[in-house]
């Protein structure tokens, strides 16, 4: 599961798999370009069961994905 927040807006939640994905965890294959690059890089380095706090600069958080002003 993951929860995406905007740091400069008092940690406003813009996506939470437990709410926005019918309670299902996010499932994606690495290298398919389905998630932002920074998110994918961090997930690839994680161990099973590990929890992490990931902070990405805009170039790695958005790349070809819509900006948060459009809901992400």
C-alpha atoms as a PDB file:
ATOM      1  CA  UNK A   1       0.000   0.000   0.000  1.00  0.00           C
ATOM      2  CA  UNK A   2       1.070   3.562  -0.377  1.00  0.00           C
ATOM      3  CA  UNK A   3      -0.151   7.005   0.554  1.00  0.00           C
ATOM      4  CA  UNK A   4       0.967  10.029  -1.455  1.00  0.00           C
ATOM      5  CA  UNK A   5       1.087  13.412   0.237  1.00  0.00           C
ATOM      6  CA  UNK A   6       2.070  16.943  -0.769  1.00  0.00           C
ATOM      7  CA  UNK A   7       4.711  18.235   1.627  1.00  0.00           C
ATOM      8  CA  UNK A   8       4.176  21.940   1.000  1.00  0.00           C
ATOM      9  CA  UNK A   9       0.432  21.744   1.664  1.00  0.00           C
ATOM     10  CA  UNK A  10       0.438  20.454   5.217  1.00  0.00           C
ATOM     11  CA  UNK A  11       0.836  16.853   4.000  1.00  0.00           C
ATOM     12  CA  UNK A  12      -2.436  16.841   2.045  1.00  0.00           C
ATOM     13  CA  UNK A  13      -3.125  13.259   0.884  1.00  0.00           C
ATOM     14  CA  UNK A  14      -3.567  13.074  -2.890  1.00  0.00           C
ATOM     15  CA  UNK A  15      -3.705   9.272  -3.225  1.00  0.00           C
ATOM     16  CA  UNK A  16      -4.112   6.414  -0.758  1.00  0.00           C
ATOM     17  CA  UNK A  17      -4.440   2.858  -2.054  1.00  0.00           C
ATOM     18  CA  UNK A  18      -6.512   1.899   0.985  1.00  0.00           C
ATOM     19  CA  UNK A  19      -9.139   4.499  -0.081  1.00  0.00           C
ATOM     20  CA  UNK A  20      -8.639   5.219  -3.783  1.00  0.00           C
ATOM     21  CA  UNK A  21      -7.830   1.693  -4.986  1.00  0.00           C
ATOM     22  CA  UNK A  22     -10.724  -0.190  -3.357  1.00  0.00           C
ATOM     23  CA  UNK A  23      -8.441  -1.104  -0.468  1.00  0.00           C
ATOM     24  CA  UNK A  24      -6.104  -3.055  -2.731  1.00  0.00           C
ATOM     25  CA  UNK A  25      -2.330  -2.555  -2.669  1.00  0.00           C
ATOM     26  CA  UNK A  26      -0.696  -1.033  -5.729  1.00  0.00           C
ATOM     27  CA  UNK A  27       0.449  -3.734  -8.141  1.00  0.00           C
ATOM     28  CA  UNK A  28       2.821  -2.838 -10.993  1.00  0.00           C
ATOM     29  CA  UNK A  29       5.736  -4.321 -12.916  1.00  0.00           C
ATOM     30  CA  UNK A  30       9.033  -2.496 -12.819  1.00  0.00           C
ATOM     31  CA  UNK A  31      10.138  -0.887 -16.071  1.00  0.00           C
ATOM     32  CA  UNK A  32       6.670  -0.451 -17.580  1.00  0.00           C
ATOM     33  CA  UNK A  33       6.454   3.281 -16.812  1.00  0.00           C
ATOM     34  CA  UNK A  34       3.211   2.967 -14.845  1.00  0.00           C
ATOM     35  CA  UNK A  35       4.473   4.882 -11.786  1.00  0.00           C
ATOM     36  CA  UNK A  36       6.793   7.896 -11.421  1.00  0.00           C
ATOM     37  CA  UNK A  37      10.508   7.089 -11.718  1.00  0.00           C
ATOM     38  CA  UNK A  38      11.425   8.120  -8.162  1.00  0.00           C
ATOM     39  CA  UNK A  39       8.709   5.916  -6.682  1.00  0.00           C
ATOM     40  CA  UNK A  40       9.799   2.937  -8.771  1.00  0.00           C
ATOM     41  CA  UNK A  41      13.477   3.367  -7.905  1.00  0.00           C
ATOM     42  CA  UNK A  42      12.712   3.375  -4.177  1.00  0.00           C
ATOM     43  CA  UNK A  43      10.358   0.389  -4.335  1.00  0.00           C
ATOM     44  CA  UNK A  44      12.965  -1.635  -6.229  1.00  0.00           C
ATOM     45  CA  UNK A  45      15.428  -1.101  -3.365  1.00  0.00           C
ATOM     46  CA  UNK A  46      12.994  -2.114  -0.614  1.00  0.00           C
ATOM     47  CA  UNK A  47      12.919  -5.496   1.094  1.00  0.00           C
ATOM     48  CA  UNK A  48       9.686  -7.497   1.486  1.00  0.00           C
ATOM     49  CA  UNK A  49       7.669  -6.109   4.407  1.00  0.00           C
ATOM     50  CA  UNK A  50       9.771  -2.948   4.636  1.00  0.00           C
ATOM     51  CA  UNK A  51       8.038   0.404   5.176  1.00  0.00           C
ATOM     52  CA  UNK A  52       9.627   3.583   3.830  1.00  0.00           C
ATOM     53  CA  UNK A  53       9.104   7.313   3.683  1.00  0.00           C
ATOM     54  CA  UNK A  54      10.062   8.509   0.202  1.00  0.00           C
ATOM     55  CA  UNK A  55      10.548  12.149  -0.767  1.00  0.00           C
ATOM     56  CA  UNK A  56      11.070  12.870  -4.472  1.00  0.00           C
ATOM     57  CA  UNK A  57      11.934  16.078  -6.287  1.00  0.00           C
ATOM     58  CA  UNK A  58       9.447  17.027  -9.025  1.00  0.00           C
ATOM     59  CA  UNK A  59      11.622  15.643 -11.851  1.00  0.00           C
ATOM     60  CA  UNK A  60      11.385  12.150 -10.331  1.00  0.00           C
ATOM     61  CA  UNK A  61       7.884  12.441  -8.926  1.00  0.00           C
ATOM     62  CA  UNK A  62       5.995  13.672 -11.968  1.00  0.00           C
ATOM     63  CA  UNK A  63       8.015  13.111 -15.166  1.00  0.00           C
ATOM     64  CA  UNK A  64       5.245  12.183 -17.660  1.00  0.00           C
ATOM     65  CA  UNK A  65       2.491  12.135 -15.010  1.00  0.00           C
ATOM     66  CA  UNK A  66       0.080  15.047 -14.404  1.00  0.00           C
ATOM     67  CA  UNK A  67       0.994  17.599 -11.775  1.00  0.00           C
ATOM     68  CA  UNK A  68      -0.892  17.501  -8.481  1.00  0.00           C
ATOM     69  CA  UNK A  69      -2.943  20.509  -9.471  1.00  0.00           C
ATOM     70  CA  UNK A  70      -4.724  18.137 -11.845  1.00  0.00           C
ATOM     71  CA  UNK A  71      -5.009  15.422  -9.142  1.00  0.00           C
ATOM     72  CA  UNK A  72      -2.090  13.039 -10.026  1.00  0.00           C
END
